[in-house]
Amino acid sequence: MERKKYVIVMAAGSGTRMGGDMPKQFLELDGKAILRRSIEVFLAACPDVTVVTVLQEPFVGIWKNYCLTSGFHCPQVIAKGGITRFHSVRNALAKIPDGAVVAVHDGVRPLVTPELVRRMFVECEAVPALVPVVPCVDTMKVLRKENAGDGAAASLCEVEGARVDRELLYAAQTPQMFHSEVLREAYSQAYDMAFTDDASVVSAHGKKLSFTIGERFNIKITSPDDLVLAEAVVRMRKG
């Protein structure tokens, strides 16, 4: 039997690198909030998906008011953001039953396509943990910061003899998808600062990860430059 589909949309960050008072997930991208666009991709890919939106308490009212005034009529469960991303995901998992496929997606990745989401939900029926990745295309340098002293800014210096094989490097994206019972069990372990995404939590718990090729434009909007690029991609897709 096909597993029921859930998506945890992570929107509990403060977005300080964007500047301004409003977290980046609420900024507009071509007339719509970035968070709304991220959710709409999943609704377009799988209309029966259950949406769990993770927000910090001060922004729940702002988001509900936005949905009401903008006509974004999306049934969704609201989960409380925690002190770290790890704790936020753990809170959201309390809203999800075993026996499901759950996607965890950054609320500020609005450029992921319905095609990738749909394909990953199909692939994740057969594997317990699925992560989208894209190959590294840049030449990588191994550098360290060296303090110049006298209050001067630290400079970057190459680590002598250190080399990185670009062919082995891939960048992980979201959505990352899991069988819900596997993800819940992984999140029962104690928090570790080494946990940078859900895949790292699951891997640390001893579960094997599977990988699928993601999308080059599935960027995470964290800076004003990212927003400029996202606007260009949206215009390109509109033709």
C-alpha atoms as a PDB file:
ATOM      1  CA  MET A   1       0.000   0.000   0.000  1.00  0.00           C
ATOM      2  CA  GLU A   2       1.295   3.476  -0.898  1.00  0.00           C
ATOM      3  CA  ARG A   3       2.379   5.551   2.067  1.00  0.00           C
ATOM      4  CA  LYS A   4       0.575   8.768   2.915  1.00  0.00           C
ATOM      5  CA  LYS A   5       2.593  11.871   2.015  1.00  0.00           C
ATOM      6  CA  TYR A   6       3.607  14.645   4.421  1.00  0.00           C
ATOM      7  CA  VAL A   7       5.887  17.641   4.064  1.00  0.00           C
ATOM      8  CA  ILE A   8       7.500  19.488   6.955  1.00  0.00           C
ATOM      9  CA  VAL A   9       8.238  23.010   5.728  1.00  0.00           C
ATOM     10  CA  MET A  10      10.939  24.604   7.840  1.00  0.00           C
ATOM     11  CA  ALA A  11      10.217  28.310   8.328  1.00  0.00           C
ATOM     12  CA  ALA A  12      11.428  28.911  11.870  1.00  0.00           C
ATOM     13  CA  GLY A  13      14.612  30.807  10.993  1.00  0.00           C
ATOM     14  CA  SER A  14      15.211  34.477  11.699  1.00  0.00           C
ATOM     15  CA  GLY A  15      16.805  35.253   8.332  1.00  0.00           C
ATOM     16  CA  THR A  16      19.182  37.888   9.689  1.00  0.00           C
ATOM     17  CA  ARG A  17      21.528  37.738   6.687  1.00  0.00           C
ATOM     18  CA  MET A  18      18.849  39.294   4.475  1.00  0.00           C
ATOM     19  CA  GLY A  19      18.694  42.467   6.563  1.00  0.00           C
ATOM     20  CA  GLY A  20      15.467  44.159   7.616  1.00  0.00           C
ATOM     21  CA  ASP A  21      12.974  43.175  10.292  1.00  0.00           C
ATOM     22  CA  MET A  22      11.056  40.447   8.464  1.00  0.00           C
ATOM     23  CA  PRO A  23      12.447  36.885   8.190  1.00  0.00           C
ATOM     24  CA  LYS A  24      13.339  35.953   4.629  1.00  0.00           C
ATOM     25  CA  GLN A  25      10.589  33.335   4.299  1.00  0.00           C
ATOM     26  CA  PHE A  26       8.000  36.131   4.410  1.00  0.00           C
ATOM     27  CA  LEU A  27       9.670  38.315   1.785  1.00  0.00           C
ATOM     28  CA  GLU A  28       7.955  38.452  -1.590  1.00  0.00           C
ATOM     29  CA  LEU A  29       9.251  36.714  -4.681  1.00  0.00           C
ATOM     30  CA  ASP A  30       7.403  37.889  -7.795  1.00  0.00           C
ATOM     31  CA  GLY A  31       4.379  38.948  -5.761  1.00  0.00           C
ATOM     32  CA  LYS A  32       4.159  35.960  -3.404  1.00  0.00           C
ATOM     33  CA  ALA A  33       5.782  35.179  -0.072  1.00  0.00           C
ATOM     34  CA  ILE A  34       8.776  32.865  -0.472  1.00  0.00           C
ATOM     35  CA  LEU A  35       7.238  30.446   2.025  1.00  0.00           C
ATOM     36  CA  ARG A  36       4.003  30.317   0.051  1.00  0.00           C
ATOM     37  CA  ARG A  37       5.874  29.512  -3.147  1.00  0.00           C
ATOM     38  CA  SER A  38       7.762  26.702  -1.400  1.00  0.00           C
ATOM     39  CA  ILE A  39       4.521  25.139  -0.167  1.00  0.00           C
ATOM     40  CA  GLU A  40       2.752  25.566  -3.511  1.00  0.00           C
ATOM     41  CA  VAL A  41       5.357  23.371  -5.214  1.00  0.00           C
ATOM     42  CA  PHE A  42       4.343  20.420  -3.026  1.00  0.00           C
ATOM     43  CA  LEU A  43       0.637  21.063  -3.554  1.00  0.00           C
ATOM     44  CA  ALA A  44       1.211  21.121  -7.316  1.00  0.00           C
ATOM     45  CA  ALA A  45       3.248  17.908  -7.199  1.00  0.00           C
ATOM     46  CA  CYS A  46       0.974  15.959  -4.829  1.00  0.00           C
ATOM     47  CA  PRO A  47      -2.415  17.582  -4.117  1.00  0.00           C
ATOM     48  CA  ASP A  48      -3.078  15.081  -1.315  1.00  0.00           C
ATOM     49  CA  VAL A  49       0.079  15.986   0.641  1.00  0.00           C
ATOM     50  CA  THR A  50      -0.380  17.093   4.257  1.00  0.00           C
ATOM     51  CA  VAL A  51       1.550  20.281   5.018  1.00  0.00           C
ATOM     52  CA  VAL A  52       3.177  20.846   8.421  1.00  0.00           C
ATOM     53  CA  THR A  53       4.577  24.373   8.634  1.00  0.00           C
ATOM     54  CA  VAL A  54       7.168  25.081  11.331  1.00  0.00           C
ATOM     55  CA  LEU A  55       7.182  28.648  12.662  1.00  0.00           C
ATOM     56  CA  GLN A  56       8.472  30.481  15.684  1.00  0.00           C
ATOM     57  CA  GLU A  57       5.606  31.604  17.927  1.00  0.00           C
ATOM     58  CA  PRO A  58       5.886  35.364  17.188  1.00  0.00           C
ATOM     59  CA  PHE A  59       5.356  34.737  13.451  1.00  0.00           C
ATOM     60  CA  VAL A  60       2.399  32.327  13.564  1.00  0.00           C
ATOM     61  CA  GLY A  61      -0.120  35.186  13.569  1.00  0.00           C
ATOM     62  CA  ILE A  62       1.723  36.977  10.766  1.00  0.00           C
ATOM     63  CA  TRP A  63       1.628  33.848   8.599  1.00  0.00           C
ATOM     64  CA  LYS A  64      -2.032  33.129   9.312  1.00  0.00           C
ATOM     65  CA  ASN A  65      -2.942  36.717   8.468  1.00  0.00           C
ATOM     66  CA  TYR A  66      -0.954  36.513   5.236  1.00  0.00           C
ATOM     67  CA  CYS A  67      -2.741  33.318   4.179  1.00  0.00           C
ATOM     68  CA  LEU A  68      -6.113  34.928   4.915  1.00  0.00           C
ATOM     69  CA  THR A  69      -5.520  38.274   3.211  1.00  0.00           C
ATOM     70  CA  SER A  70      -3.670  36.883   0.177  1.00  0.00           C
ATOM     71  CA  GLY A  71      -6.176  34.121  -0.536  1.00  0.00           C
ATOM     72  CA  PHE A  72      -3.725  31.300   0.133  1.00  0.00           C
ATOM     73  CA  HIS A  73      -6.228  28.652   1.226  1.00  0.00           C
ATOM     74  CA  CYS A  74      -3.944  25.788   2.176  1.00  0.00           C
ATOM     75  CA  PRO A  75      -4.976  23.477   5.036  1.00  0.00           C
ATOM     76  CA  GLN A  76      -1.855  23.100   7.151  1.00  0.00           C
ATOM     77  CA  VAL A  77      -0.740  22.021  10.575  1.00  0.00           C
ATOM     78  CA  ILE A  78       1.396  24.544  12.466  1.00  0.00           C
ATOM     79  CA  ALA A  79       4.303  23.205  14.528  1.00  0.00           C
ATOM     80  CA  LYS A  80       6.316  25.279  16.976  1.00  0.00           C
ATOM     81  CA  GLY A  81       9.907  26.119  16.122  1.00  0.00           C
ATOM     82  CA  GLY A  82      12.561  24.982  18.591  1.00  0.00           C
ATOM     83  CA  ILE A  83      15.862  26.400  19.748  1.00  0.00           C
ATOM     84  CA  THR A  84      17.640  24.691  16.813  1.00  0.00           C
ATOM     85  CA  ARG A  85      16.560  23.188  13.510  1.00  0.00           C
ATOM     86  CA  PHE A  86      16.939  19.758  15.094  1.00  0.00           C
ATOM     87  CA  HIS A  87      14.419  20.590  17.803  1.00  0.00           C
ATOM     88  CA  SER A  88      12.056  22.178  15.269  1.00  0.00           C
ATOM     89  CA  VAL A  89      11.958  19.011  13.162  1.00  0.00           C
ATOM     90  CA  ARG A  90      11.439  16.921  16.283  1.00  0.00           C
ATOM     91  CA  ASN A  91       8.431  19.091  17.199  1.00  0.00           C
ATOM     92  CA  ALA A  92       6.966  18.693  13.712  1.00  0.00           C
ATOM     93  CA  LEU A  93       7.379  14.907  13.755  1.00  0.00           C
ATOM     94  CA  ALA A  94       4.955  14.764  16.691  1.00  0.00           C
ATOM     95  CA  LYS A  95       2.263  15.719  14.140  1.00  0.00           C
ATOM     96  CA  ILE A  96       3.053  12.853  11.746  1.00  0.00           C
ATOM     97  CA  PRO A  97       2.120   9.158  12.063  1.00  0.00           C
ATOM     98  CA  ASP A  98       4.287   6.152  11.328  1.00  0.00           C
ATOM     99  CA  GLY A  99       3.844   4.510   7.950  1.00  0.00           C
ATOM    100  CA  ALA A 100       4.134   7.733   5.957  1.00  0.00           C
ATOM    101  CA  VAL A 101       6.718   9.267   3.649  1.00  0.00           C
ATOM    102  CA  VAL A 102       7.739  12.617   5.079  1.00  0.00           C
ATOM    103  CA  ALA A 103       9.625  15.273   3.149  1.00  0.00           C
ATOM    104  CA  VAL A 104      11.554  17.911   5.079  1.00  0.00           C
ATOM    105  CA  HIS A 105      12.014  21.064   3.023  1.00  0.00           C
ATOM    106  CA  ASP A 106      13.544  24.472   3.641  1.00  0.00           C
ATOM    107  CA  GLY A 107      10.836  27.103   3.434  1.00  0.00           C
ATOM    108  CA  VAL A 108      13.290  29.329   1.563  1.00  0.00           C
ATOM    109  CA  ARG A 109      13.862  26.918  -1.331  1.00  0.00           C
ATOM    110  CA  PRO A 110      10.951  28.018  -3.541  1.00  0.00           C
ATOM    111  CA  LEU A 111      12.562  27.091  -6.878  1.00  0.00           C
ATOM    112  CA  VAL A 112      12.396  23.309  -6.482  1.00  0.00           C
ATOM    113  CA  THR A 113      10.146  21.885  -9.196  1.00  0.00           C
ATOM    114  CA  PRO A 114       7.047  19.718  -8.813  1.00  0.00           C
ATOM    115  CA  GLU A 115       8.745  17.182 -11.078  1.00  0.00           C
ATOM    116  CA  LEU A 116      11.574  16.586  -8.597  1.00  0.00           C
ATOM    117  CA  VAL A 117       9.170  16.406  -5.647  1.00  0.00           C
ATOM    118  CA  ARG A 118       6.910  13.929  -7.449  1.00  0.00           C
ATOM    119  CA  ARG A 119       9.845  11.747  -8.523  1.00  0.00           C
ATOM    120  CA  MET A 120      11.312  11.677  -5.035  1.00  0.00           C
ATOM    121  CA  PHE A 121       8.028  10.650  -3.412  1.00  0.00           C
ATOM    122  CA  VAL A 122       7.887   7.710  -5.849  1.00  0.00           C
ATOM    123  CA  GLU A 123      11.518   6.732  -5.212  1.00  0.00           C
ATOM    124  CA  CYS A 124      11.139   6.992  -1.439  1.00  0.00           C
ATOM    125  CA  GLU A 125       8.462   4.308  -1.397  1.00  0.00           C
ATOM    126  CA  ALA A 126      11.302   1.816  -1.885  1.00  0.00           C
ATOM    127  CA  VAL A 127      14.067   3.377   0.259  1.00  0.00           C
ATOM    128  CA  PRO A 128      13.920   4.683   3.850  1.00  0.00           C
ATOM    129  CA  ALA A 129      16.012   7.829   3.337  1.00  0.00           C
ATOM    130  CA  LEU A 130      16.444   9.809   0.111  1.00  0.00           C
ATOM    131  CA  VAL A 131      18.584  12.937  -0.368  1.00  0.00           C
ATOM    132  CA  PRO A 132      18.794  15.123  -3.509  1.00  0.00           C
ATOM    133  CA  VAL A 133      22.324  16.193  -4.439  1.00  0.00           C
ATOM    134  CA  VAL A 134      24.027  18.143  -7.196  1.00  0.00           C
ATOM    135  CA  PRO A 135      27.646  17.637  -8.295  1.00  0.00           C
ATOM    136  CA  CYS A 136      30.204  20.272  -7.396  1.00  0.00           C
ATOM    137  CA  VAL A 137      31.217  22.286 -10.483  1.00  0.00           C
ATOM    138  CA  ASP A 138      33.768  24.647  -8.904  1.00  0.00           C
ATOM    139  CA  THR A 139      37.410  24.016  -8.115  1.00  0.00           C
ATOM    140  CA  MET A 140      37.602  23.548  -4.351  1.00  0.00           C
ATOM    141  CA  LYS A 141      40.320  25.053  -2.140  1.00  0.00           C
ATOM    142  CA  VAL A 142      41.230  23.947   1.385  1.00  0.00           C
ATOM    143  CA  LEU A 143      41.888  27.152   3.348  1.00  0.00           C
ATOM    144  CA  ARG A 144      42.290  28.223   6.945  1.00  0.00           C
ATOM    145  CA  LYS A 145      41.945  31.571   8.650  1.00  0.00           C
ATOM    146  CA  GLU A 146      45.130  33.086  10.043  1.00  0.00           C
ATOM    147  CA  ASN A 147      45.012  35.910  12.567  1.00  0.00           C
ATOM    148  CA  ALA A 148      47.097  38.859  11.397  1.00  0.00           C
ATOM    149  CA  GLY A 149      47.332  40.303  14.925  1.00  0.00           C
ATOM    150  CA  ASP A 150      46.935  43.902  16.137  1.00  0.00           C
ATOM    151  CA  GLY A 151      43.200  43.646  15.629  1.00  0.00           C
ATOM    152  CA  ALA A 152      43.481  43.166  11.868  1.00  0.00           C
ATOM    153  CA  ALA A 153      41.024  40.941  10.076  1.00  0.00           C
ATOM    154  CA  ALA A 154      42.033  37.314   9.680  1.00  0.00           C
ATOM    155  CA  SER A 155      43.318  36.334   6.247  1.00  0.00           C
ATOM    156  CA  LEU A 156      42.710  33.140   4.295  1.00  0.00           C
ATOM    157  CA  CYS A 157      45.687  30.907   3.617  1.00  0.00           C
ATOM    158  CA  GLU A 158      45.918  27.662   1.676  1.00  0.00           C
ATOM    159  CA  VAL A 159      46.531  24.485   3.667  1.00  0.00           C
ATOM    160  CA  GLU A 160      49.738  23.170   2.153  1.00  0.00           C
ATOM    161  CA  GLY A 161      49.413  19.759   0.543  1.00  0.00           C
ATOM    162  CA  ALA A 162      45.629  19.549   1.033  1.00  0.00           C
ATOM    163  CA  ARG A 163      43.742  18.631  -2.116  1.00  0.00           C
ATOM    164  CA  VAL A 164      40.078  17.930  -2.770  1.00  0.00           C
ATOM    165  CA  ASP A 165      38.854  15.659  -5.557  1.00  0.00           C
ATOM    166  CA  ARG A 166      35.933  17.580  -7.020  1.00  0.00           C
ATOM    167  CA  GLU A 167      34.554  14.399  -8.567  1.00  0.00           C
ATOM    168  CA  LEU A 168      33.724  13.157  -5.058  1.00  0.00           C
ATOM    169  CA  LEU A 169      31.904  16.287  -3.893  1.00  0.00           C
ATOM    170  CA  TYR A 170      28.153  16.826  -4.085  1.00  0.00           C
ATOM    171  CA  ALA A 171      25.994  19.486  -2.445  1.00  0.00           C
ATOM    172  CA  ALA A 172      22.959  18.234  -0.522  1.00  0.00           C
ATOM    173  CA  GLN A 173      19.603  19.946  -1.022  1.00  0.00           C
ATOM    174  CA  THR A 174      16.069  19.624   0.261  1.00  0.00           C
ATOM    175  CA  PRO A 175      13.499  18.171   0.197  1.00  0.00           C
ATOM    176  CA  GLN A 176      15.020  15.210   1.979  1.00  0.00           C
ATOM    177  CA  MET A 177      12.536  12.355   2.265  1.00  0.00           C
ATOM    178  CA  PHE A 178      12.217   9.543   4.776  1.00  0.00           C
ATOM    179  CA  HIS A 179       9.922   6.837   6.014  1.00  0.00           C
ATOM    180  CA  SER A 180       8.402   8.643   8.971  1.00  0.00           C
ATOM    181  CA  GLU A 181       9.196   5.934  11.508  1.00  0.00           C
ATOM    182  CA  VAL A 182      12.880   5.991  10.446  1.00  0.00           C
ATOM    183  CA  LEU A 183      13.084   9.762  10.820  1.00  0.00           C
ATOM    184  CA  ARG A 184      11.274   9.734  14.166  1.00  0.00           C
ATOM    185  CA  GLU A 185      13.637   7.075  15.541  1.00  0.00           C
ATOM    186  CA  ALA A 186      16.666   9.070  14.368  1.00  0.00           C
ATOM    187  CA  TYR A 187      15.355  12.201  16.055  1.00  0.00           C
ATOM    188  CA  SER A 188      15.004  10.337  19.348  1.00  0.00           C
ATOM    189  CA  GLN A 189      18.781  10.559  19.800  1.00  0.00           C
ATOM    190  CA  ALA A 190      20.451  13.417  21.630  1.00  0.00           C
ATOM    191  CA  TYR A 191      21.207  16.625  19.764  1.00  0.00           C
ATOM    192  CA  ASP A 192      24.706  17.002  18.332  1.00  0.00           C
ATOM    193  CA  MET A 193      26.145  20.183  16.816  1.00  0.00           C
ATOM    194  CA  ALA A 194      27.390  18.030  13.919  1.00  0.00           C
ATOM    195  CA  PHE A 195      23.786  17.644  12.726  1.00  0.00           C
ATOM    196  CA  THR A 196      23.564  20.001   9.755  1.00  0.00           C
ATOM    197  CA  ASP A 197      20.544  18.474   8.037  1.00  0.00           C
ATOM    198  CA  ASP A 198      18.101  15.607   8.431  1.00  0.00           C
ATOM    199  CA  ALA A 199      20.334  13.245   6.468  1.00  0.00           C
ATOM    200  CA  SER A 200      23.148  13.751   8.976  1.00  0.00           C
ATOM    201  CA  VAL A 201      20.761  12.903  11.833  1.00  0.00           C
ATOM    202  CA  VAL A 202      19.590   9.722  10.125  1.00  0.00           C
ATOM    203  CA  SER A 203      23.117   8.700   9.125  1.00  0.00           C
ATOM    204  CA  ALA A 204      24.372   9.181  12.699  1.00  0.00           C
ATOM    205  CA  HIS A 205      21.641   6.812  13.828  1.00  0.00           C
ATOM    206  CA  GLY A 206      23.068   4.101  11.582  1.00  0.00           C
ATOM    207  CA  LYS A 207      20.581   4.212   8.713  1.00  0.00           C
ATOM    208  CA  LYS A 208      21.731   4.000   5.105  1.00  0.00           C
ATOM    209  CA  LEU A 209      21.087   7.017   2.897  1.00  0.00           C
ATOM    210  CA  SER A 210      20.094   6.852  -0.762  1.00  0.00           C
ATOM    211  CA  PHE A 211      20.783   9.714  -3.164  1.00  0.00           C
ATOM    212  CA  THR A 212      19.142  11.164  -6.242  1.00  0.00           C
ATOM    213  CA  ILE A 213      20.207  13.982  -8.544  1.00  0.00           C
ATOM    214  CA  GLY A 214      18.643  17.294  -7.555  1.00  0.00           C
ATOM    215  CA  GLU A 215      18.291  20.560  -9.449  1.00  0.00           C
ATOM    216  CA  ARG A 216      20.843  23.313 -10.036  1.00  0.00           C
ATOM    217  CA  PHE A 217      18.320  26.111  -9.457  1.00  0.00           C
ATOM    218  CA  ASN A 218      16.997  24.612  -6.218  1.00  0.00           C
ATOM    219  CA  ILE A 219      18.872  27.244  -4.235  1.00  0.00           C
ATOM    220  CA  LYS A 220      18.353  28.274  -0.633  1.00  0.00           C
ATOM    221  CA  ILE A 221      17.584  31.990  -0.412  1.00  0.00           C
ATOM    222  CA  THR A 222      19.776  33.359   2.367  1.00  0.00           C
ATOM    223  CA  SER A 223      21.116  36.655   0.994  1.00  0.00           C
ATOM    224  CA  PRO A 224      19.935  39.572  -1.176  1.00  0.00           C
ATOM    225  CA  ASP A 225      21.976  38.159  -4.074  1.00  0.00           C
ATOM    226  CA  ASP A 226      20.061  34.875  -3.835  1.00  0.00           C
ATOM    227  CA  LEU A 227      16.789  36.781  -4.061  1.00  0.00           C
ATOM    228  CA  VAL A 228      17.945  38.563  -7.225  1.00  0.00           C
ATOM    229  CA  LEU A 229      18.827  35.192  -8.794  1.00  0.00           C
ATOM    230  CA  ALA A 230      15.491  33.700  -7.720  1.00  0.00           C
ATOM    231  CA  GLU A 231      13.601  36.581  -9.325  1.00  0.00           C
ATOM    232  CA  ALA A 232      15.472  35.950 -12.584  1.00  0.00           C
ATOM    233  CA  VAL A 233      14.659  32.217 -12.481  1.00  0.00           C
ATOM    234  CA  VAL A 234      10.969  32.874 -11.832  1.00  0.00           C
ATOM    235  CA  ARG A 235      10.832  35.308 -14.777  1.00  0.00           C
ATOM    236  CA  MET A 236      12.610  32.809 -17.008  1.00  0.00           C
ATOM    237  CA  ARG A 237      10.156  30.045 -16.104  1.00  0.00           C
ATOM    238  CA  LYS A 238       7.213  32.332 -16.803  1.00  0.00           C
ATOM    239  CA  GLY A 239       8.618  32.930 -20.270  1.00  0.00           C
END
